[in-house]
N, C-alpha and C. Protein backbone atom coordinates (compact mmCIF):
# COMPACT_ATOMS: atom_id res chain seq x y z
N MET A 1 119.14 119.98 98.23
CA MET A 1 117.58 119.62 98.04
C MET A 1 117.43 121.11 97.02
N ASP A 2 116.76 120.54 95.92
CA ASP A 2 116.11 121.34 95.02
C ASP A 2 115.09 122.24 95.54
N THR A 3 115.16 123.46 95.95
CA THR A 3 114.24 124.41 96.30
C THR A 3 112.86 124.34 95.47
N SER A 4 113.34 124.31 94.21
CA SER A 4 111.44 124.33 93.42
C SER A 4 110.94 123.34 93.95
N ILE A 5 111.52 121.64 94.14
CA ILE A 5 110.65 120.55 94.89
C ILE A 5 110.35 120.57 95.80
N HIS A 6 110.96 121.61 96.84
CA HIS A 6 110.37 121.71 98.09
C HIS A 6 109.17 122.50 98.51
N THR A 7 109.34 123.66 97.53
CA THR A 7 108.34 124.66 97.58
C THR A 7 107.15 124.15 96.61
N ALA A 8 107.38 123.07 95.32
CA ALA A 8 106.23 122.95 94.85
C ALA A 8 105.18 121.65 95.92
N THR A 9 105.98 120.85 96.37
CA THR A 9 105.33 120.15 97.61
C THR A 9 104.88 120.66 98.31
N LEU A 10 105.58 121.27 98.96
CA LEU A 10 104.48 121.71 100.44
C LEU A 10 103.43 122.45 99.35
N GLU A 11 103.71 123.57 98.62
CA GLU A 11 102.50 124.12 97.78
C GLU A 11 101.26 122.99 97.33
N ARG A 12 101.24 121.61 97.40
CA ARG A 12 100.44 121.13 97.10
C ARG A 12 99.81 120.78 98.40
N PHE A 13 100.80 120.18 99.21
CA PHE A 13 100.15 120.34 100.63
C PHE A 13 99.06 121.14 101.01
N ARG A 14 99.39 122.42 100.92
CA ARG A 14 99.06 123.11 101.18
C ARG A 14 97.49 123.60 100.66
N ARG A 15 97.27 123.20 99.35
CA ARG A 15 96.27 123.51 97.98
C ARG A 15 95.47 122.31 98.73
N THR A 16 95.61 121.21 98.71
CA THR A 16 94.64 120.47 99.21
C THR A 16 94.28 120.20 100.43
N GLY A 17 94.65 121.05 101.35
CA GLY A 17 94.25 121.16 102.58
C GLY A 17 95.02 120.31 103.82
N ALA A 18 95.97 119.49 103.24
CA ALA A 18 96.95 118.41 103.50
C ALA A 18 97.62 119.06 105.03
N TYR A 19 98.08 120.64 104.94
CA TYR A 19 98.87 121.18 105.64
C TYR A 19 98.03 121.83 106.77
N LEU A 20 97.95 121.08 108.07
CA LEU A 20 97.13 121.61 108.99
C LEU A 20 97.79 122.22 110.43
N ARG A 21 96.98 123.54 110.90
CA ARG A 21 97.81 123.96 111.83
C ARG A 21 96.87 123.64 113.40
N GLY A 22 97.11 123.74 114.22
CA GLY A 22 95.91 123.01 115.51
C GLY A 22 97.21 122.90 116.53
N HIS A 23 96.72 121.65 117.51
CA HIS A 23 97.07 120.99 118.59
C HIS A 23 97.01 119.08 118.47
N PHE A 24 98.21 118.63 117.89
CA PHE A 24 98.09 117.28 117.63
C PHE A 24 99.28 116.35 118.36
N ARG A 25 99.20 115.00 118.22
CA ARG A 25 99.25 114.59 118.73
C ARG A 25 99.81 113.70 117.65
N LEU A 26 101.51 113.24 117.72
CA LEU A 26 101.88 112.57 116.30
C LEU A 26 102.25 111.29 116.66
N THR A 27 102.29 110.48 115.88
CA THR A 27 102.39 108.80 115.78
C THR A 27 103.64 108.48 116.84
N SER A 28 104.16 108.84 117.13
CA SER A 28 105.96 109.18 118.01
C SER A 28 105.20 109.31 119.37
N GLY A 29 104.10 110.13 119.30
CA GLY A 29 103.88 110.59 120.85
C GLY A 29 104.06 111.73 121.22
N LEU A 30 104.82 112.71 120.65
CA LEU A 30 105.27 114.19 120.75
C LEU A 30 103.97 114.87 120.00
N HIS A 31 103.85 116.07 120.36
CA HIS A 31 102.80 116.92 120.32
C HIS A 31 103.46 118.41 119.35
N SER A 32 102.59 118.40 118.34
CA SER A 32 102.91 119.55 118.02
C SER A 32 101.93 120.87 117.38
N GLY A 33 102.12 121.75 116.95
CA GLY A 33 101.01 122.81 116.16
C GLY A 33 100.93 122.34 114.68
N GLU A 34 101.57 121.61 114.00
CA GLU A 34 101.66 121.58 112.52
C GLU A 34 101.25 120.18 112.53
N TYR A 35 100.40 119.98 111.26
CA TYR A 35 100.31 118.42 111.02
C TYR A 35 100.75 118.06 109.31
N LEU A 36 100.81 117.38 108.71
CA LEU A 36 101.00 116.99 107.95
C LEU A 36 99.93 115.70 107.17
N GLN A 37 98.36 115.79 106.92
CA GLN A 37 97.55 114.84 106.61
C GLN A 37 98.01 114.42 105.31
N SER A 38 98.77 113.83 105.31
CA SER A 38 99.44 113.02 103.41
C SER A 38 98.26 112.27 102.78
N ALA A 39 96.90 111.93 103.31
CA ALA A 39 96.09 111.03 102.83
C ALA A 39 95.00 112.29 102.21
N LEU A 40 95.06 113.28 102.47
CA LEU A 40 94.64 114.06 101.81
C LEU A 40 95.27 115.30 100.68
N VAL A 41 96.28 115.21 100.42
CA VAL A 41 97.24 114.93 99.09
C VAL A 41 97.28 114.12 98.32
N LEU A 42 97.47 112.72 98.90
CA LEU A 42 97.56 111.32 98.45
C LEU A 42 96.24 111.20 97.39
N GLN A 43 95.45 111.58 98.37
CA GLN A 43 93.64 111.15 97.50
C GLN A 43 93.79 111.51 96.10
N HIS A 44 94.42 112.43 95.48
CA HIS A 44 94.80 113.07 94.03
C HIS A 44 95.39 111.89 93.09
N PRO A 45 95.09 110.95 92.59
CA PRO A 45 95.75 109.96 92.03
C PRO A 45 96.94 110.91 91.13
N SER A 46 96.57 112.13 90.77
CA SER A 46 97.66 112.60 89.61
C SER A 46 98.78 113.43 90.54
N ILE A 47 98.29 114.09 91.40
CA ILE A 47 99.94 114.60 92.89
C ILE A 47 100.25 113.16 93.26
N ALA A 48 99.87 112.35 93.64
CA ALA A 48 100.48 110.95 94.10
C ALA A 48 101.31 110.54 93.13
N GLU A 49 101.35 110.13 91.87
CA GLU A 49 101.77 110.08 90.63
C GLU A 49 103.28 110.93 90.47
N GLU A 50 102.56 112.59 90.86
CA GLU A 50 103.83 113.31 90.45
C GLU A 50 104.78 113.33 91.85
N LEU A 51 104.06 113.04 92.82
CA LEU A 51 105.32 113.10 94.31
C LEU A 51 106.06 111.29 94.38
N GLY A 52 105.31 110.72 93.42
CA GLY A 52 106.08 109.07 93.54
C GLY A 52 107.25 109.40 92.31
N ARG A 53 107.06 110.05 91.80
CA ARG A 53 107.83 110.20 90.13
C ARG A 53 109.33 111.11 90.71
N GLU A 54 108.97 112.22 91.43
CA GLU A 54 109.56 113.03 92.29
C GLU A 54 110.99 112.45 93.36
N LEU A 55 110.53 111.23 93.94
CA LEU A 55 110.74 111.17 95.02
C LEU A 55 111.59 109.51 94.71
N ALA A 56 110.75 108.95 93.58
CA ALA A 56 112.08 108.04 92.73
C ALA A 56 113.26 108.56 92.10
N GLN A 57 112.91 109.59 91.55
CA GLN A 57 114.37 110.24 91.22
C GLN A 57 115.48 110.69 91.74
N ALA A 58 114.81 111.13 92.99
CA ALA A 58 115.88 111.43 94.27
C ALA A 58 116.62 110.56 95.42
N LEU A 59 115.92 109.00 94.86
CA LEU A 59 116.50 107.71 95.53
C LEU A 59 117.41 107.03 94.44
N PRO A 60 118.11 105.98 95.12
CA PRO A 60 119.22 105.06 93.70
C PRO A 60 117.89 104.02 93.05
N ARG A 61 117.62 103.51 92.53
CA ARG A 61 116.97 102.55 91.96
C ARG A 61 117.09 101.58 92.80
N ALA A 62 116.31 100.80 92.93
CA ALA A 62 116.34 99.29 93.53
C ALA A 62 115.09 98.66 92.77
N PRO A 63 115.20 97.18 92.90
CA PRO A 63 113.94 96.65 92.41
C PRO A 63 113.04 96.40 93.55
N LEU A 64 112.90 96.89 94.50
CA LEU A 64 112.27 96.27 95.83
C LEU A 64 111.79 97.50 96.38
N VAL A 65 110.54 98.13 96.56
CA VAL A 65 110.27 99.19 97.66
C VAL A 65 109.39 98.84 98.28
N VAL A 66 109.86 99.18 99.63
CA VAL A 66 109.17 98.56 100.76
C VAL A 66 108.80 99.80 101.98
N SER A 67 106.94 99.85 102.19
CA SER A 67 106.89 100.96 102.90
C SER A 67 105.92 100.26 104.13
N PRO A 68 105.68 101.14 105.28
CA PRO A 68 105.18 100.52 106.25
C PRO A 68 103.45 100.93 106.22
N ALA A 69 102.53 100.25 106.53
CA ALA A 69 101.42 100.73 105.88
C ALA A 69 100.61 101.87 107.38
N LEU A 70 100.02 102.14 107.37
CA LEU A 70 98.89 102.18 106.49
C LEU A 70 100.12 103.85 105.86
N GLY A 71 100.15 104.69 106.49
CA GLY A 71 100.87 106.00 105.90
C GLY A 71 101.76 105.86 104.52
N GLY A 72 102.74 104.84 104.73
CA GLY A 72 103.16 105.04 103.24
C GLY A 72 103.00 103.72 102.27
N LEU A 73 102.09 103.23 102.40
CA LEU A 73 101.28 102.55 100.91
C LEU A 73 101.09 103.42 99.52
N ILE A 74 100.44 104.65 99.65
CA ILE A 74 100.69 105.23 98.48
C ILE A 74 101.79 105.49 97.67
N ILE A 75 102.37 106.33 98.60
CA ILE A 75 103.41 107.43 98.26
C ILE A 75 104.30 105.79 97.90
N GLY A 76 104.46 104.83 98.76
CA GLY A 76 105.70 103.74 98.08
C GLY A 76 105.17 103.01 96.83
N HIS A 77 103.80 102.68 96.81
CA HIS A 77 103.29 102.05 95.13
C HIS A 77 103.53 103.29 94.27
N GLU A 78 103.86 104.03 94.67
CA GLU A 78 104.26 105.55 93.31
C GLU A 78 105.53 105.30 92.97
N VAL A 79 106.52 105.17 94.10
CA VAL A 79 107.63 105.39 93.92
C VAL A 79 107.82 104.02 93.08
N ALA A 80 107.77 102.66 93.71
CA ALA A 80 107.94 101.85 93.02
C ALA A 80 107.18 101.82 91.62
N ARG A 81 106.05 102.14 91.13
CA ARG A 81 105.42 102.10 89.90
C ARG A 81 106.61 103.30 88.74
N ALA A 82 107.09 104.69 89.32
CA ALA A 82 107.93 105.60 88.73
C ALA A 82 109.27 104.38 88.55
N MET A 83 110.01 103.64 89.70
CA MET A 83 111.30 103.06 89.48
C MET A 83 110.80 101.88 88.71
N GLY A 84 109.83 101.29 88.33
CA GLY A 84 109.52 99.86 87.57
C GLY A 84 109.81 98.92 88.57
N ALA A 85 109.39 98.49 89.99
CA ALA A 85 110.05 98.29 90.31
C ALA A 85 108.93 97.24 91.49
N ARG A 86 109.11 96.41 92.02
CA ARG A 86 108.05 95.68 92.84
C ARG A 86 107.92 96.42 94.12
N PHE A 87 106.55 95.99 94.61
CA PHE A 87 106.48 96.67 96.01
C PHE A 87 105.59 96.04 96.83
N VAL A 88 105.76 95.90 98.27
CA VAL A 88 105.55 95.49 99.27
C VAL A 88 105.31 96.12 100.59
N PHE A 89 104.72 95.73 101.38
CA PHE A 89 104.14 96.67 102.53
C PHE A 89 104.35 95.85 103.82
N ALA A 90 104.85 96.24 105.07
CA ALA A 90 104.59 95.96 106.33
C ALA A 90 104.03 96.72 107.17
N GLU A 91 103.48 95.87 108.00
CA GLU A 91 102.32 96.24 108.57
C GLU A 91 102.14 95.47 110.56
N ARG A 92 101.75 96.15 111.22
CA ARG A 92 102.23 96.04 112.62
C ARG A 92 101.12 94.45 112.80
N ASP A 93 101.55 93.68 113.36
CA ASP A 93 101.42 92.03 114.00
C ASP A 93 100.51 92.75 115.12
N GLY A 94 99.75 92.03 116.38
CA GLY A 94 98.97 91.87 117.35
C GLY A 94 99.57 92.26 117.96
N SER A 95 101.17 92.47 118.70
CA SER A 95 102.24 92.81 119.54
C SER A 95 102.47 94.05 119.18
N GLY A 96 101.95 94.77 118.05
CA GLY A 96 102.75 95.91 117.29
C GLY A 96 104.15 96.25 116.78
N LYS A 97 104.92 94.51 116.75
CA LYS A 97 105.90 94.36 115.88
C LYS A 97 105.78 94.21 113.94
N MET A 98 106.18 95.35 113.31
CA MET A 98 106.35 95.39 111.95
C MET A 98 106.62 94.10 111.26
N VAL A 99 106.18 92.93 110.83
CA VAL A 99 106.29 92.38 109.67
C VAL A 99 105.80 92.33 108.42
N LEU A 100 106.29 91.40 107.61
CA LEU A 100 105.55 91.02 106.32
C LEU A 100 104.76 90.08 106.66
N ARG A 101 103.38 90.37 106.13
CA ARG A 101 102.19 89.31 105.88
C ARG A 101 101.69 89.30 104.45
N ARG A 102 100.71 88.52 104.44
CA ARG A 102 100.12 88.39 103.14
C ARG A 102 101.08 87.65 101.96
N GLY A 103 101.79 87.09 102.40
CA GLY A 103 102.51 86.21 101.46
C GLY A 103 103.81 87.19 101.00
N PHE A 104 103.87 87.80 101.01
CA PHE A 104 105.31 89.19 101.27
C PHE A 104 106.30 88.33 101.87
N THR A 105 107.33 88.29 100.51
CA THR A 105 108.88 87.69 100.91
C THR A 105 109.74 88.84 100.43
N VAL A 106 111.23 88.79 100.82
CA VAL A 106 112.32 89.40 100.41
C VAL A 106 113.10 88.45 100.52
N ALA A 107 113.80 88.48 99.37
CA ALA A 107 115.34 87.69 98.48
C ALA A 107 116.32 87.75 100.00
N PRO A 108 117.40 86.97 100.29
CA PRO A 108 118.40 87.29 101.08
C PRO A 108 119.12 87.90 99.68
N GLY A 109 120.08 89.40 100.32
CA GLY A 109 120.71 89.94 99.27
C GLY A 109 120.17 91.25 98.33
N GLU A 110 118.39 91.00 98.47
CA GLU A 110 117.85 91.81 97.16
C GLU A 110 117.73 93.07 98.27
N ALA A 111 118.19 94.06 96.87
CA ALA A 111 118.35 96.07 97.23
C ALA A 111 116.69 95.78 97.61
N ALA A 112 116.93 97.19 98.37
CA ALA A 112 115.44 97.36 98.47
C ALA A 112 115.64 99.15 99.31
N VAL A 113 114.61 99.58 99.15
CA VAL A 113 114.40 101.37 99.53
C VAL A 113 113.22 101.14 100.47
N VAL A 114 113.23 101.90 101.27
CA VAL A 114 111.95 101.97 102.27
C VAL A 114 111.49 103.42 101.91
N VAL A 115 110.12 103.24 101.90
CA VAL A 115 109.57 104.82 101.66
C VAL A 115 108.71 104.95 102.31
N GLU A 116 108.18 106.17 103.03
CA GLU A 116 107.57 106.39 103.93
C GLU A 116 106.67 108.14 103.80
N ASP A 117 105.64 108.34 104.17
CA ASP A 117 105.27 109.71 103.71
C ASP A 117 105.77 110.93 104.57
N VAL A 118 105.43 110.73 105.68
CA VAL A 118 105.98 111.68 106.60
C VAL A 118 106.56 111.19 107.78
N VAL A 119 108.08 111.92 108.06
CA VAL A 119 108.95 110.97 109.52
C VAL A 119 109.13 112.44 110.14
N THR A 120 109.24 111.73 110.80
CA THR A 120 109.30 112.95 112.50
C THR A 120 110.44 112.51 112.97
N THR A 121 110.32 111.31 113.80
CA THR A 121 111.39 110.60 114.64
C THR A 121 112.05 109.39 113.79
N GLY A 122 111.82 109.17 112.77
CA GLY A 122 112.19 108.07 111.55
C GLY A 122 111.86 106.30 112.24
N GLY A 123 111.09 106.53 113.74
CA GLY A 123 111.15 105.47 114.47
C GLY A 123 110.15 104.31 113.23
N THR A 124 109.01 104.58 112.87
CA THR A 124 108.96 103.82 111.60
C THR A 124 109.71 103.02 110.50
N THR A 125 110.27 104.29 110.24
CA THR A 125 111.16 103.65 108.80
C THR A 125 112.13 102.88 109.81
N ARG A 126 112.84 102.90 110.69
CA ARG A 126 113.65 102.53 111.07
C ARG A 126 113.47 100.98 111.48
N GLU A 127 112.27 100.54 111.88
CA GLU A 127 111.72 99.49 112.04
C GLU A 127 111.84 98.55 110.78
N VAL A 128 110.98 99.21 109.44
CA VAL A 128 111.09 98.62 108.30
C VAL A 128 112.46 98.07 107.85
N ILE A 129 113.32 99.16 108.66
CA ILE A 129 114.74 98.88 107.84
C ILE A 129 114.87 97.84 108.85
N GLU A 130 114.87 97.44 109.80
CA GLU A 130 115.65 96.78 110.45
C GLU A 130 114.78 95.48 110.17
N LEU A 131 113.24 95.34 109.94
CA LEU A 131 112.60 93.61 110.22
C LEU A 131 113.47 93.47 108.33
N LEU A 132 113.61 94.25 107.08
CA LEU A 132 114.41 94.24 106.20
C LEU A 132 115.39 93.26 106.44
N GLN A 133 116.54 93.86 107.14
CA GLN A 133 117.92 92.91 107.69
C GLN A 133 117.95 92.44 107.97
N GLU A 134 117.05 91.73 109.06
CA GLU A 134 116.76 90.64 109.47
C GLU A 134 116.49 89.84 108.29
N ALA A 135 115.70 89.78 107.74
CA ALA A 135 115.46 88.95 106.47
C ALA A 135 116.40 88.77 105.68
N GLY A 136 117.34 89.25 105.56
CA GLY A 136 118.71 89.21 104.67
C GLY A 136 118.79 90.60 103.61
N ALA A 137 117.69 91.30 103.74
CA ALA A 137 117.94 92.22 102.13
C ALA A 137 118.51 93.51 102.78
N ARG A 138 118.66 94.33 101.34
CA ARG A 138 120.16 95.00 101.85
C ARG A 138 119.12 96.21 101.31
N VAL A 139 119.09 97.17 102.50
CA VAL A 139 118.46 98.60 102.35
C VAL A 139 119.12 99.86 101.96
N ILE A 140 119.38 99.78 100.76
CA ILE A 140 119.98 101.08 100.22
C ILE A 140 119.88 102.69 100.40
N ALA A 141 118.74 102.55 100.59
CA ALA A 141 118.18 104.27 101.27
C ALA A 141 117.01 103.98 101.59
N ALA A 142 116.52 105.13 102.33
CA ALA A 142 115.12 105.41 102.82
C ALA A 142 114.75 106.88 102.12
N GLY A 143 113.46 107.17 102.14
CA GLY A 143 112.66 108.14 101.70
C GLY A 143 111.40 108.61 102.05
N SER A 144 111.41 109.87 101.45
CA SER A 144 109.76 110.25 102.54
C SER A 144 109.42 111.32 101.42
N ILE A 145 108.29 112.09 101.76
CA ILE A 145 107.86 112.94 101.06
C ILE A 145 107.83 114.35 101.64
N ILE A 146 107.92 113.99 103.13
CA ILE A 146 108.10 114.86 104.08
C ILE A 146 109.03 114.43 105.41
N ASP A 147 110.21 115.65 105.77
CA ASP A 147 110.85 114.97 106.80
C ASP A 147 110.98 115.90 107.76
N ARG A 148 110.07 116.07 108.60
CA ARG A 148 110.06 117.17 109.68
C ARG A 148 110.65 116.94 110.91
N SER A 149 111.91 116.42 110.80
CA SER A 149 113.30 116.78 111.44
C SER A 149 113.86 117.69 111.30
N GLY A 150 113.86 117.94 110.17
CA GLY A 150 115.12 119.32 109.82
C GLY A 150 116.35 118.54 109.48
N GLY A 151 116.00 117.43 108.73
CA GLY A 151 117.31 116.40 108.33
C GLY A 151 118.20 115.68 109.34
N LYS A 152 117.71 115.94 110.14
CA LYS A 152 118.52 115.76 111.68
C LYS A 152 118.88 113.90 111.80
N ILE A 153 117.60 113.27 111.49
CA ILE A 153 117.48 112.25 111.48
C ILE A 153 118.55 111.05 111.06
N ASP A 154 119.10 110.05 111.82
CA ASP A 154 119.94 109.14 111.05
C ASP A 154 119.09 107.60 111.18
N LEU A 155 119.17 107.21 110.01
CA LEU A 155 118.49 105.75 109.72
C LEU A 155 120.03 104.64 109.31
N GLY A 156 120.74 105.31 109.23
CA GLY A 156 121.91 103.99 108.85
C GLY A 156 122.06 104.25 107.56
N VAL A 157 121.11 104.48 106.88
CA VAL A 157 121.06 104.67 105.34
C VAL A 157 121.19 105.84 104.90
N PRO A 158 121.51 106.18 103.64
CA PRO A 158 121.26 107.65 102.98
C PRO A 158 119.45 107.75 102.71
N ARG A 159 119.17 108.90 102.95
CA ARG A 159 117.93 109.47 103.11
C ARG A 159 117.55 110.28 101.89
N ALA A 160 116.28 110.52 101.35
CA ALA A 160 115.75 112.14 100.46
C ALA A 160 114.32 111.80 101.01
N ALA A 161 113.84 113.07 101.19
CA ALA A 161 113.10 114.04 101.17
C ALA A 161 112.36 114.86 100.53
N LEU A 162 111.52 114.90 99.75
CA LEU A 162 111.27 115.88 98.73
C LEU A 162 111.34 117.74 99.29
N ALA A 163 110.86 117.43 100.68
CA ALA A 163 110.47 118.92 101.42
C ALA A 163 111.16 118.02 102.93
N ILE A 164 112.01 119.04 103.74
CA ILE A 164 112.53 118.87 104.80
C ILE A 164 112.04 120.40 105.66
N LEU A 165 111.79 119.94 106.59
CA LEU A 165 110.76 121.02 107.56
C LEU A 165 111.39 120.92 108.89
N ASP A 166 111.60 121.73 109.60
CA ASP A 166 111.83 122.06 111.19
C ASP A 166 110.82 122.18 111.56
N VAL A 167 110.16 121.41 111.94
CA VAL A 167 109.08 121.67 112.92
C VAL A 167 109.24 121.18 114.20
N VAL A 168 108.62 122.15 115.09
CA VAL A 168 108.96 121.86 116.33
C VAL A 168 107.63 121.09 117.04
N ALA A 169 108.41 119.57 117.62
CA ALA A 169 107.34 118.63 118.32
C ALA A 169 107.71 118.57 120.16
N TYR A 170 107.08 118.65 120.70
CA TYR A 170 107.45 118.38 122.29
C TYR A 170 107.08 117.43 122.70
N PRO A 171 107.57 116.78 124.20
CA PRO A 171 106.95 115.42 124.65
C PRO A 171 105.91 116.44 125.59
N PRO A 172 104.83 115.53 125.53
CA PRO A 172 103.57 116.09 126.21
C PRO A 172 103.61 116.77 127.52
N GLU A 173 104.53 116.07 128.30
CA GLU A 173 104.56 117.22 129.43
C GLU A 173 104.95 118.65 129.34
N ASP A 174 105.98 119.06 128.33
CA ASP A 174 106.45 120.14 128.07
C ASP A 174 105.60 120.90 127.27
N CYS A 175 104.83 120.56 126.85
CA CYS A 175 104.15 120.74 125.52
C CYS A 175 103.24 122.45 126.20
N PRO A 176 103.59 123.49 125.44
CA PRO A 176 102.80 124.58 125.52
C PRO A 176 101.64 124.51 125.12
N LEU A 177 100.97 124.21 124.20
CA LEU A 177 99.73 124.08 123.50
C LEU A 177 99.01 123.23 124.53
N CYS A 178 99.28 122.20 125.60
CA CYS A 178 98.63 121.50 126.43
C CYS A 178 98.17 122.63 127.82
N ARG A 179 99.41 123.32 127.70
CA ARG A 179 99.52 124.39 128.68
C ARG A 179 98.38 125.30 128.76
N THR A 180 97.79 125.68 127.51
CA THR A 180 97.06 126.76 127.19
C THR A 180 95.82 125.94 127.04
N GLY A 181 95.20 124.76 127.28
CA GLY A 181 94.19 124.40 127.15
C GLY A 181 93.91 123.66 125.74
N LEU A 182 94.47 124.11 124.64
CA LEU A 182 94.04 124.03 123.54
C LEU A 182 93.67 122.29 123.48
N ALA A 183 92.62 121.60 122.87
CA ALA A 183 92.15 120.31 122.79
C ALA A 183 93.53 119.58 121.57
N VAL A 184 93.62 118.77 122.19
CA VAL A 184 94.73 117.96 121.63
C VAL A 184 94.04 116.73 120.34
N GLU A 185 94.70 116.75 119.22
CA GLU A 185 94.05 115.77 118.03
C GLU A 185 94.97 114.98 117.76
N LYS A 186 94.40 113.63 117.36
CA LYS A 186 95.19 112.36 116.95
C LYS A 186 94.43 112.23 115.53
N PRO A 187 95.07 112.69 114.59
CA PRO A 187 94.61 112.64 113.28
C PRO A 187 95.31 111.69 112.15
N GLY A 188 96.42 110.79 112.58
CA GLY A 188 96.99 109.47 112.36
C GLY A 188 96.11 108.44 112.26
N SER A 189 96.94 107.36 111.65
CA SER A 189 96.39 106.19 111.43
C SER A 189 96.48 105.59 112.76
N ARG A 190 97.50 105.45 113.55
CA ARG A 190 97.84 104.35 114.76
C ARG A 190 98.00 105.21 115.53
N GLN A 191 96.98 104.09 116.67
CA GLN A 191 96.93 104.34 118.42
C GLN A 191 98.21 104.65 119.23
N LEU A 192 98.65 105.47 119.87
CA LEU A 192 99.12 104.96 120.75
C LEU A 192 98.97 104.10 121.96
N ARG A 193 99.69 103.40 122.01
CA ARG A 193 99.62 102.17 123.09
C ARG A 193 99.48 103.00 124.59
């Protein structure tokens, strides 16, 4: 990993107020004292374009970029723009399953990369990869702006991230922040079932 890109990426999050500290419930259900609110950094089109270009350079070129809604939309679009690729997104249906809607399709054998904003467990990215594979696409890589797992996630395809962090996350029943009585926030876009 290019340490200058890692440092510059985190500096963009800090400068825009997107690197938060407190007590947070992540989309995965885990709790953490740190949260990266990508919407705050990606609200700046020039920064989104820079991050998209840098992530596109770290990934193999593909004719298709796919992201999960909602968090991956902006960065996925910017990666696709930098690659000169088509961009589509997956979203959850009424049962919570990732699906392609809005007339989006993938061709059997079509090469694709999956792009997300921040990964912790890789669950959402994995769901999109499986959706594409079931549709016959070849997922050649996955990428994210931030990898909170310390690089430990195995998605079954090569991965790239602009910054890799080893952020501690706790199951709610083992969370020391909960034991202190600090109120938990859920800043992400998806509500837990």
